């Protein structure tokens, strides 16, 4: 399956360099980067956004961030995002039951491997990824009782980044590239 449009024949050198680095790092074609070359400002701003993603922050470790990214990917039903964000699930100890809970196939409360904080983070992420945005007061109370302001901002921006990429990738018709087997 191909994207809706083809990349431009000529990609500016500075974008080719970024695409080369991304492809070298991921060992996959970065079609979305090539497509963004049609509008270099979008390519640059998207590259900056991606380069500043949160990694293993105090209070929001890599596992929590992976859960947030995966939950946002499932919530917006983005095949590319699910593929991309699930490739290292085993390294973070994410279980098949946890994946099923994020997909809405089982109740997260029934998954004993999810901590209470993780369950709250998953619910918050689902809400961030829905339209219209609705945050019931009990969820906000749980969120603020269990996470610092900084941690809430990290989770919100992480989910928002996935939402940005999901909308962009789906709007351009970029197919999954085979990062995972989900």
N, C-alpha and C. Protein backbone atom coordinates (compact mmCIF):
# COMPACT_ATOMS: atom_id res chain seq x y z
N UNK A 1 0.84 -1.18 0.00
CA UNK A 1 0.00 0.00 0.00
C UNK A 1 0.89 1.25 0.00
N UNK A 2 0.53 2.19 -0.82
CA UNK A 2 1.29 3.43 -0.93
C UNK A 2 0.58 4.57 -0.23
N UNK A 3 1.34 5.61 0.07
CA UNK A 3 0.76 6.84 0.61
C UNK A 3 -0.10 7.49 -0.46
N UNK A 4 -0.90 8.47 -0.07
CA UNK A 4 -1.79 9.15 -1.00
C UNK A 4 -1.03 9.93 -2.07
N UNK A 5 0.17 10.41 -1.72
CA UNK A 5 0.99 11.19 -2.65
C UNK A 5 2.40 10.61 -2.65
N UNK A 6 3.15 10.97 -3.66
CA UNK A 6 4.56 10.54 -3.74
C UNK A 6 5.45 11.65 -3.18
N UNK A 7 6.60 11.28 -2.67
CA UNK A 7 7.54 12.31 -2.21
C UNK A 7 8.02 13.16 -3.39
N UNK A 8 8.49 14.37 -3.12
CA UNK A 8 9.03 15.18 -4.22
C UNK A 8 10.28 14.52 -4.79
N UNK A 9 10.53 14.77 -6.04
CA UNK A 9 11.73 14.20 -6.69
C UNK A 9 13.01 14.77 -6.07
N UNK A 10 12.97 16.06 -5.73
CA UNK A 10 14.14 16.70 -5.12
C UNK A 10 13.81 17.10 -3.69
N UNK A 11 14.59 16.58 -2.77
CA UNK A 11 14.44 16.89 -1.35
C UNK A 11 15.64 17.73 -0.95
N UNK A 12 15.41 18.87 -0.29
CA UNK A 12 16.54 19.71 0.12
C UNK A 12 17.57 18.92 0.93
N UNK A 13 18.82 19.28 0.76
CA UNK A 13 19.92 18.58 1.40
C UNK A 13 19.72 18.46 2.91
N UNK A 14 19.35 19.56 3.55
CA UNK A 14 19.22 19.54 5.01
C UNK A 14 18.12 18.59 5.46
N UNK A 15 17.08 18.39 4.64
CA UNK A 15 16.06 17.40 4.98
C UNK A 15 16.54 15.98 4.67
N UNK A 16 17.26 15.83 3.57
CA UNK A 16 17.82 14.50 3.25
C UNK A 16 18.71 14.02 4.37
N UNK A 17 19.48 14.92 4.95
CA UNK A 17 20.36 14.55 6.06
C UNK A 17 19.55 14.05 7.26
N UNK A 18 18.48 14.76 7.62
CA UNK A 18 17.62 14.34 8.73
C UNK A 18 16.94 13.01 8.44
N UNK A 19 16.46 12.84 7.22
CA UNK A 19 15.81 11.59 6.83
C UNK A 19 16.81 10.44 6.88
N UNK A 20 18.02 10.69 6.39
CA UNK A 20 19.06 9.65 6.42
C UNK A 20 19.33 9.22 7.86
N UNK A 21 19.46 10.20 8.75
CA UNK A 21 19.73 9.88 10.16
C UNK A 21 18.57 9.07 10.76
N UNK A 22 17.34 9.48 10.48
CA UNK A 22 16.17 8.76 11.01
C UNK A 22 16.11 7.34 10.46
N UNK A 23 16.38 7.18 9.18
CA UNK A 23 16.35 5.84 8.58
C UNK A 23 17.49 4.97 9.11
N UNK A 24 18.62 5.57 9.34
CA UNK A 24 19.76 4.82 9.89
C UNK A 24 19.43 4.35 11.31
N UNK A 25 18.78 5.21 12.08
CA UNK A 25 18.42 4.88 13.46
C UNK A 25 17.35 3.80 13.51
N UNK A 26 16.33 3.92 12.69
CA UNK A 26 15.19 3.00 12.75
C UNK A 26 15.35 1.78 11.84
N UNK A 27 16.24 1.88 10.87
CA UNK A 27 16.42 0.83 9.85
C UNK A 27 15.14 0.61 9.04
N UNK A 28 14.35 1.67 8.92
CA UNK A 28 13.11 1.64 8.14
C UNK A 28 13.04 2.90 7.29
N UNK A 29 12.28 2.81 6.20
CA UNK A 29 12.08 3.98 5.37
C UNK A 29 11.25 5.01 6.12
N UNK A 30 11.65 6.25 6.06
CA UNK A 30 10.92 7.35 6.71
C UNK A 30 10.10 8.09 5.65
N UNK A 31 9.07 7.42 5.17
CA UNK A 31 8.23 7.98 4.12
C UNK A 31 7.59 9.29 4.56
N UNK A 32 7.14 9.37 5.80
CA UNK A 32 6.48 10.60 6.25
C UNK A 32 7.45 11.78 6.17
N UNK A 33 8.71 11.56 6.50
CA UNK A 33 9.70 12.63 6.39
C UNK A 33 9.89 13.07 4.95
N UNK A 34 9.90 12.11 4.05
CA UNK A 34 10.04 12.44 2.63
C UNK A 34 8.83 13.21 2.13
N UNK A 35 7.65 12.81 2.55
CA UNK A 35 6.44 13.52 2.13
C UNK A 35 6.41 14.94 2.68
N UNK A 36 6.87 15.12 3.90
CA UNK A 36 6.90 16.46 4.49
C UNK A 36 7.86 17.39 3.75
N UNK A 37 8.74 16.82 2.93
CA UNK A 37 9.66 17.66 2.15
C UNK A 37 8.90 18.56 1.16
N UNK A 38 7.65 18.24 0.88
CA UNK A 38 6.84 19.13 0.05
C UNK A 38 6.68 20.49 0.73
N UNK A 39 6.75 20.52 2.04
CA UNK A 39 6.64 21.76 2.80
C UNK A 39 7.72 21.73 3.88
N UNK A 40 8.94 22.16 3.57
CA UNK A 40 10.07 22.02 4.49
C UNK A 40 9.84 22.59 5.89
N UNK A 41 9.07 23.64 6.03
CA UNK A 41 8.80 24.17 7.38
C UNK A 41 8.11 23.12 8.24
N UNK A 42 7.16 22.40 7.66
CA UNK A 42 6.47 21.34 8.41
C UNK A 42 7.44 20.20 8.74
N UNK A 43 8.34 19.89 7.81
CA UNK A 43 9.33 18.84 8.05
C UNK A 43 10.24 19.22 9.21
N UNK A 44 10.70 20.45 9.21
CA UNK A 44 11.61 20.90 10.26
C UNK A 44 10.90 20.94 11.61
N UNK A 45 9.71 21.53 11.65
CA UNK A 45 9.01 21.62 12.94
C UNK A 45 8.64 20.24 13.45
N UNK A 46 8.26 19.34 12.56
CA UNK A 46 7.93 17.97 12.98
C UNK A 46 9.17 17.24 13.49
N UNK A 47 10.30 17.47 12.83
CA UNK A 47 11.55 16.87 13.27
C UNK A 47 11.96 17.37 14.65
N UNK A 48 11.78 18.67 14.89
CA UNK A 48 12.10 19.22 16.20
C UNK A 48 11.18 18.62 17.26
N UNK A 49 9.88 18.56 16.95
CA UNK A 49 8.93 17.95 17.89
C UNK A 49 9.35 16.52 18.24
N UNK A 50 9.69 15.75 17.23
CA UNK A 50 10.07 14.35 17.46
C UNK A 50 11.37 14.24 18.25
N UNK A 51 12.30 15.15 18.00
CA UNK A 51 13.60 15.08 18.70
C UNK A 51 13.49 15.41 20.19
N UNK A 52 12.39 16.05 20.57
CA UNK A 52 12.24 16.47 21.96
C UNK A 52 11.27 15.61 22.76
N UNK A 53 10.95 14.39 22.27
CA UNK A 53 10.03 13.53 23.01
C UNK A 53 10.62 13.15 24.36
N UNK A 54 9.75 12.90 25.31
CA UNK A 54 10.17 12.54 26.66
C UNK A 54 10.73 11.11 26.67
N UNK A 55 11.78 10.95 27.45
CA UNK A 55 12.39 9.63 27.66
C UNK A 55 12.70 9.47 29.14
N UNK A 56 12.15 8.44 29.76
CA UNK A 56 12.51 8.03 31.12
C UNK A 56 12.70 9.22 32.06
N UNK A 57 11.64 9.99 32.22
CA UNK A 57 11.66 11.16 33.09
C UNK A 57 11.41 10.74 34.53
N UNK A 58 11.92 11.50 35.49
CA UNK A 58 11.59 11.18 36.89
C UNK A 58 10.08 11.17 37.10
N UNK A 59 9.57 10.07 37.64
CA UNK A 59 8.14 9.93 37.90
C UNK A 59 7.35 9.38 36.72
N UNK A 60 7.90 9.51 35.53
CA UNK A 60 7.23 9.00 34.33
C UNK A 60 8.31 8.21 33.56
N UNK A 61 8.52 6.99 33.99
CA UNK A 61 9.60 6.19 33.42
C UNK A 61 9.28 5.74 31.99
N UNK A 62 10.22 5.06 31.38
CA UNK A 62 10.07 4.66 29.98
C UNK A 62 8.87 3.73 29.78
N UNK A 63 8.61 2.86 30.73
CA UNK A 63 7.43 1.98 30.61
C UNK A 63 6.14 2.80 30.58
N UNK A 64 6.01 3.74 31.49
CA UNK A 64 4.81 4.58 31.53
C UNK A 64 4.67 5.36 30.22
N UNK A 65 5.76 5.90 29.72
CA UNK A 65 5.71 6.65 28.46
C UNK A 65 5.32 5.74 27.29
N UNK A 66 5.82 4.51 27.30
CA UNK A 66 5.45 3.56 26.24
C UNK A 66 3.96 3.23 26.33
N UNK A 67 3.46 3.05 27.55
CA UNK A 67 2.03 2.79 27.72
C UNK A 67 1.21 3.96 27.21
N UNK A 68 1.62 5.18 27.52
CA UNK A 68 0.90 6.36 27.05
C UNK A 68 0.92 6.42 25.53
N UNK A 69 2.09 6.19 24.93
CA UNK A 69 2.18 6.23 23.46
C UNK A 69 1.31 5.16 22.81
N UNK A 70 1.34 3.97 23.37
CA UNK A 70 0.52 2.89 22.82
C UNK A 70 -0.97 3.16 22.99
N UNK A 71 -1.36 3.64 24.19
CA UNK A 71 -2.77 3.92 24.41
C UNK A 71 -3.26 5.00 23.44
N UNK A 72 -2.48 6.04 23.24
CA UNK A 72 -2.87 7.08 22.28
C UNK A 72 -2.96 6.50 20.88
N UNK A 73 -2.04 5.64 20.51
CA UNK A 73 -2.04 5.01 19.18
C UNK A 73 -3.30 4.18 18.96
N UNK A 74 -3.67 3.39 19.98
CA UNK A 74 -4.89 2.59 19.87
C UNK A 74 -6.13 3.47 19.88
N UNK A 75 -6.12 4.52 20.70
CA UNK A 75 -7.29 5.40 20.82
C UNK A 75 -7.62 6.11 19.51
N UNK A 76 -6.59 6.45 18.74
CA UNK A 76 -6.83 7.14 17.47
C UNK A 76 -6.80 6.17 16.28
N UNK A 77 -6.66 4.88 16.59
CA UNK A 77 -6.69 3.82 15.57
C UNK A 77 -5.75 4.10 14.41
N UNK A 78 -4.49 4.39 14.74
CA UNK A 78 -3.48 4.67 13.73
C UNK A 78 -2.58 3.44 13.55
N UNK A 79 -2.75 2.69 12.46
CA UNK A 79 -1.93 1.48 12.27
C UNK A 79 -0.42 1.75 12.30
N UNK A 80 0.02 2.83 11.65
CA UNK A 80 1.44 3.17 11.66
C UNK A 80 1.91 3.42 13.10
N UNK A 81 1.13 4.20 13.86
CA UNK A 81 1.51 4.55 15.23
C UNK A 81 1.54 3.32 16.13
N UNK A 82 0.56 2.45 15.97
CA UNK A 82 0.54 1.21 16.75
C UNK A 82 1.79 0.40 16.44
N UNK A 83 2.10 0.27 15.16
CA UNK A 83 3.29 -0.45 14.71
C UNK A 83 4.55 0.18 15.32
N UNK A 84 4.69 1.48 15.18
CA UNK A 84 5.89 2.18 15.65
C UNK A 84 6.03 2.12 17.17
N UNK A 85 4.94 2.36 17.88
CA UNK A 85 5.02 2.46 19.33
C UNK A 85 4.97 1.13 20.06
N UNK A 86 4.72 0.05 19.35
CA UNK A 86 4.70 -1.26 20.01
C UNK A 86 5.96 -2.07 19.76
N UNK A 87 6.89 -1.53 18.99
CA UNK A 87 8.06 -2.34 18.62
C UNK A 87 8.92 -2.75 19.81
N UNK A 88 8.96 -2.00 20.87
CA UNK A 88 9.80 -2.35 22.02
C UNK A 88 8.97 -2.71 23.25
N UNK A 89 7.76 -3.17 23.01
CA UNK A 89 6.87 -3.46 24.15
C UNK A 89 7.46 -4.49 25.09
N UNK A 90 8.12 -5.51 24.58
CA UNK A 90 8.68 -6.56 25.43
C UNK A 90 9.78 -6.02 26.34
N UNK A 91 10.56 -5.05 25.83
CA UNK A 91 11.63 -4.45 26.64
C UNK A 91 11.05 -3.73 27.85
N UNK A 92 9.84 -3.23 27.74
CA UNK A 92 9.20 -2.51 28.84
C UNK A 92 8.27 -3.41 29.64
N UNK A 93 8.28 -4.71 29.35
CA UNK A 93 7.46 -5.65 30.09
C UNK A 93 5.97 -5.50 29.85
N UNK A 94 5.59 -4.98 28.69
CA UNK A 94 4.18 -4.80 28.38
C UNK A 94 3.62 -6.15 27.92
N UNK A 95 2.59 -6.59 28.62
CA UNK A 95 2.06 -7.93 28.41
C UNK A 95 0.92 -7.94 27.39
N UNK A 96 0.59 -9.12 26.86
CA UNK A 96 -0.56 -9.23 25.97
C UNK A 96 -1.87 -8.76 26.62
N UNK A 97 -2.04 -9.01 27.92
CA UNK A 97 -3.24 -8.52 28.61
C UNK A 97 -3.27 -6.99 28.66
N UNK A 98 -2.12 -6.38 28.86
CA UNK A 98 -2.06 -4.92 28.87
C UNK A 98 -2.40 -4.36 27.48
N UNK A 99 -1.91 -5.01 26.44
CA UNK A 99 -2.26 -4.60 25.07
C UNK A 99 -3.77 -4.75 24.86
N UNK A 100 -4.33 -5.87 25.31
CA UNK A 100 -5.77 -6.09 25.17
C UNK A 100 -6.57 -5.01 25.91
N UNK A 101 -6.08 -4.60 27.07
CA UNK A 101 -6.76 -3.54 27.83
C UNK A 101 -6.70 -2.22 27.07
N UNK A 102 -5.54 -1.90 26.48
CA UNK A 102 -5.42 -0.65 25.73
C UNK A 102 -6.28 -0.67 24.47
N UNK A 103 -6.50 -1.84 23.93
CA UNK A 103 -7.36 -1.98 22.75
C UNK A 103 -8.85 -1.95 23.11
N UNK A 104 -9.15 -2.00 24.40
CA UNK A 104 -10.54 -2.01 24.84
C UNK A 104 -11.16 -3.38 24.82
N UNK A 105 -10.34 -4.43 24.73
CA UNK A 105 -10.84 -5.79 24.68
C UNK A 105 -11.10 -6.36 26.06
N UNK A 106 -10.39 -5.85 27.07
CA UNK A 106 -10.63 -6.26 28.45
C UNK A 106 -10.54 -5.02 29.33
N UNK A 107 -11.12 -5.11 30.52
CA UNK A 107 -11.12 -4.00 31.46
C UNK A 107 -9.73 -3.84 32.07
N UNK A 108 -9.14 -2.63 32.00
CA UNK A 108 -7.82 -2.42 32.60
C UNK A 108 -7.78 -2.76 34.09
N UNK A 109 -8.92 -2.65 34.78
CA UNK A 109 -8.95 -2.99 36.21
C UNK A 109 -8.68 -4.47 36.45
N UNK A 110 -8.91 -5.31 35.43
CA UNK A 110 -8.69 -6.75 35.57
C UNK A 110 -7.26 -7.17 35.27
N UNK A 111 -6.43 -6.23 34.87
CA UNK A 111 -5.04 -6.55 34.50
C UNK A 111 -4.15 -6.28 35.71
N UNK A 112 -3.74 -7.35 36.36
CA UNK A 112 -2.99 -7.22 37.62
C UNK A 112 -1.60 -6.62 37.43
N UNK A 113 -1.05 -6.67 36.22
CA UNK A 113 0.28 -6.14 36.00
C UNK A 113 0.30 -4.62 35.85
N UNK A 114 -0.86 -4.00 35.65
CA UNK A 114 -0.93 -2.54 35.58
C UNK A 114 -1.03 -1.96 36.99
N UNK A 115 -0.19 -0.99 37.28
CA UNK A 115 -0.26 -0.33 38.59
C UNK A 115 -1.44 0.65 38.59
N UNK A 116 -1.88 1.08 39.75
CA UNK A 116 -2.95 2.09 39.79
C UNK A 116 -2.58 3.36 39.01
N UNK A 117 -1.34 3.81 39.12
CA UNK A 117 -0.90 4.99 38.36
C UNK A 117 -0.98 4.74 36.86
N UNK A 118 -0.58 3.56 36.43
CA UNK A 118 -0.64 3.25 35.00
C UNK A 118 -2.08 3.24 34.50
N UNK A 119 -2.99 2.71 35.31
CA UNK A 119 -4.41 2.69 34.91
C UNK A 119 -4.94 4.12 34.75
N UNK A 120 -4.58 4.99 35.68
CA UNK A 120 -5.00 6.39 35.59
C UNK A 120 -4.39 7.04 34.34
N UNK A 121 -3.12 6.78 34.10
CA UNK A 121 -2.45 7.35 32.93
C UNK A 121 -3.11 6.88 31.63
N UNK A 122 -3.49 5.61 31.58
CA UNK A 122 -4.15 5.08 30.38
C UNK A 122 -5.51 5.74 30.15
N UNK A 123 -6.27 5.91 31.23
CA UNK A 123 -7.58 6.56 31.09
C UNK A 123 -7.41 8.02 30.66
N UNK A 124 -6.46 8.71 31.25
CA UNK A 124 -6.18 10.10 30.89
C UNK A 124 -5.78 10.19 29.41
N UNK A 125 -4.92 9.29 28.98
CA UNK A 125 -4.48 9.28 27.58
C UNK A 125 -5.63 9.01 26.63
N UNK A 126 -6.50 8.07 26.97
CA UNK A 126 -7.68 7.81 26.12
C UNK A 126 -8.50 9.08 25.98
N UNK A 127 -8.69 9.79 27.08
CA UNK A 127 -9.49 11.02 27.06
C UNK A 127 -8.82 12.11 26.23
N UNK A 128 -7.50 12.20 26.30
CA UNK A 128 -6.76 13.18 25.50
C UNK A 128 -6.94 12.90 24.02
N UNK A 129 -7.09 11.63 23.69
CA UNK A 129 -7.12 11.20 22.29
C UNK A 129 -8.52 11.12 21.70
N UNK A 130 -9.52 11.54 22.43
CA UNK A 130 -10.90 11.50 21.95
C UNK A 130 -11.38 12.90 21.58
N UNK A 131 -12.37 12.94 20.74
CA UNK A 131 -13.04 14.21 20.43
C UNK A 131 -14.52 14.02 20.68
N UNK A 132 -15.13 14.92 21.37
CA UNK A 132 -14.55 16.07 22.06
C UNK A 132 -13.81 15.63 23.32
N UNK A 133 -12.92 16.48 23.77
CA UNK A 133 -12.18 16.20 25.00
C UNK A 133 -13.12 16.35 26.20
N UNK A 134 -13.15 15.32 27.02
CA UNK A 134 -13.97 15.35 28.24
C UNK A 134 -13.17 14.71 29.36
N UNK A 135 -13.00 15.45 30.43
CA UNK A 135 -12.26 14.97 31.59
C UNK A 135 -13.16 15.03 32.82
N UNK A 136 -13.76 13.89 33.19
CA UNK A 136 -14.65 13.90 34.37
C UNK A 136 -13.87 14.29 35.63
N UNK A 137 -14.54 14.97 36.52
CA UNK A 137 -13.91 15.45 37.75
C UNK A 137 -13.26 14.31 38.55
N UNK A 138 -13.89 13.13 38.68
CA UNK A 138 -13.21 12.04 39.43
C UNK A 138 -11.85 11.66 38.80
N UNK A 139 -11.76 11.69 37.48
CA UNK A 139 -10.47 11.38 36.83
C UNK A 139 -9.45 12.46 37.15
N UNK A 140 -9.85 13.70 37.09
CA UNK A 140 -8.92 14.80 37.41
C UNK A 140 -8.45 14.70 38.86
N UNK A 141 -9.35 14.35 39.74
CA UNK A 141 -8.98 14.18 41.15
C UNK A 141 -7.97 13.05 41.32
N UNK A 142 -8.19 11.92 40.64
CA UNK A 142 -7.24 10.80 40.69
C UNK A 142 -5.90 11.22 40.08
N UNK A 143 -5.97 11.91 38.97
CA UNK A 143 -4.77 12.34 38.27
C UNK A 143 -3.92 13.24 39.16
N UNK A 144 -4.54 14.27 39.72
CA UNK A 144 -3.78 15.22 40.54
C UNK A 144 -3.35 14.64 41.89
N UNK A 145 -4.04 13.61 42.35
CA UNK A 145 -3.64 12.95 43.60
C UNK A 145 -2.46 12.00 43.39
N UNK A 146 -2.29 11.53 42.16
CA UNK A 146 -1.27 10.51 41.90
C UNK A 146 -0.08 11.00 41.09
N UNK A 147 -0.19 12.17 40.47
CA UNK A 147 0.89 12.68 39.62
C UNK A 147 1.18 14.14 39.95
N UNK A 148 2.44 14.50 39.84
CA UNK A 148 2.80 15.92 40.01
C UNK A 148 2.37 16.70 38.77
N UNK A 149 2.40 18.00 38.89
CA UNK A 149 2.06 18.85 37.75
C UNK A 149 2.97 18.55 36.56
N UNK A 150 4.26 18.41 36.84
CA UNK A 150 5.24 18.12 35.79
C UNK A 150 4.92 16.78 35.10
N UNK A 151 4.60 15.77 35.89
CA UNK A 151 4.28 14.46 35.33
C UNK A 151 3.03 14.52 34.45
N UNK A 152 2.04 15.30 34.87
CA UNK A 152 0.82 15.45 34.07
C UNK A 152 1.14 16.11 32.74
N UNK A 153 1.97 17.14 32.77
CA UNK A 153 2.36 17.81 31.52
C UNK A 153 3.14 16.86 30.62
N UNK A 154 4.02 16.07 31.18
CA UNK A 154 4.79 15.10 30.36
C UNK A 154 3.84 14.10 29.71
N UNK A 155 2.89 13.57 30.46
CA UNK A 155 1.94 12.60 29.88
C UNK A 155 1.05 13.27 28.82
N UNK A 156 0.58 14.47 29.11
CA UNK A 156 -0.30 15.17 28.16
C UNK A 156 0.45 15.49 26.86
N UNK A 157 1.68 15.96 26.97
CA UNK A 157 2.42 16.30 25.75
C UNK A 157 2.82 15.04 24.99
N UNK A 158 3.11 13.96 25.69
CA UNK A 158 3.44 12.71 25.01
C UNK A 158 2.23 12.20 24.23
N UNK A 159 1.07 12.20 24.86
CA UNK A 159 -0.15 11.77 24.15
C UNK A 159 -0.46 12.71 22.99
N UNK A 160 -0.27 14.01 23.20
CA UNK A 160 -0.54 14.98 22.13
C UNK A 160 0.40 14.79 20.95
N UNK A 161 1.66 14.45 21.22
CA UNK A 161 2.60 14.19 20.13
C UNK A 161 2.15 13.00 19.30
N UNK A 162 1.72 11.93 19.96
CA UNK A 162 1.22 10.77 19.21
C UNK A 162 -0.01 11.18 18.39
N UNK A 163 -0.88 11.97 18.98
CA UNK A 163 -2.06 12.43 18.25
C UNK A 163 -1.67 13.26 17.03
N UNK A 164 -0.69 14.12 17.17
CA UNK A 164 -0.20 14.92 16.04
C UNK A 164 0.26 14.00 14.92
N UNK A 165 1.16 13.07 15.27
CA UNK A 165 1.70 12.17 14.26
C UNK A 165 0.61 11.29 13.66
N UNK A 166 -0.31 10.80 14.48
CA UNK A 166 -1.39 9.94 13.98
C UNK A 166 -2.22 10.67 12.94
N UNK A 167 -2.60 11.89 13.24
CA UNK A 167 -3.42 12.67 12.30
C UNK A 167 -2.65 12.95 11.02
N UNK A 168 -1.40 13.33 11.15
CA UNK A 168 -0.58 13.64 9.98
C UNK A 168 -0.35 12.40 9.13
N UNK A 169 0.05 11.32 9.76
CA UNK A 169 0.36 10.08 9.04
C UNK A 169 -0.89 9.53 8.34
N UNK A 170 -2.01 9.54 9.03
CA UNK A 170 -3.24 9.05 8.41
C UNK A 170 -3.72 9.98 7.30
N UNK A 171 -3.52 11.30 7.48
CA UNK A 171 -3.94 12.26 6.46
C UNK A 171 -3.13 12.12 5.17
N UNK A 172 -1.92 11.59 5.29
CA UNK A 172 -1.06 11.38 4.12
C UNK A 172 -1.13 9.95 3.60
N UNK A 173 -1.80 9.07 4.34
CA UNK A 173 -1.95 7.68 3.91
C UNK A 173 -0.70 6.84 4.07
N UNK A 174 0.14 7.18 5.04
CA UNK A 174 1.40 6.45 5.24
C UNK A 174 1.10 5.11 5.91
N UNK A 175 1.49 4.00 5.26
CA UNK A 175 1.22 2.68 5.83
C UNK A 175 2.24 2.29 6.89
N UNK A 176 1.91 1.31 7.75
CA UNK A 176 2.90 0.77 8.70
C UNK A 176 4.10 0.22 7.94
N UNK A 177 5.23 0.18 8.61
CA UNK A 177 6.45 -0.30 7.95
C UNK A 177 7.02 -1.57 8.56
N UNK A 178 6.38 -2.12 9.58
CA UNK A 178 6.82 -3.40 10.11
C UNK A 178 7.77 -3.32 11.29
N UNK A 179 7.52 -2.40 12.22
CA UNK A 179 8.33 -2.32 13.42
C UNK A 179 8.01 -3.45 14.38
N UNK A 180 6.76 -3.90 14.40
CA UNK A 180 6.34 -4.88 15.40
C UNK A 180 5.47 -5.95 14.76
N UNK A 181 5.00 -6.85 15.61
CA UNK A 181 4.11 -7.91 15.12
C UNK A 181 2.71 -7.79 15.67
N UNK A 182 2.36 -6.60 16.18
CA UNK A 182 0.99 -6.40 16.70
C UNK A 182 0.07 -6.10 15.54
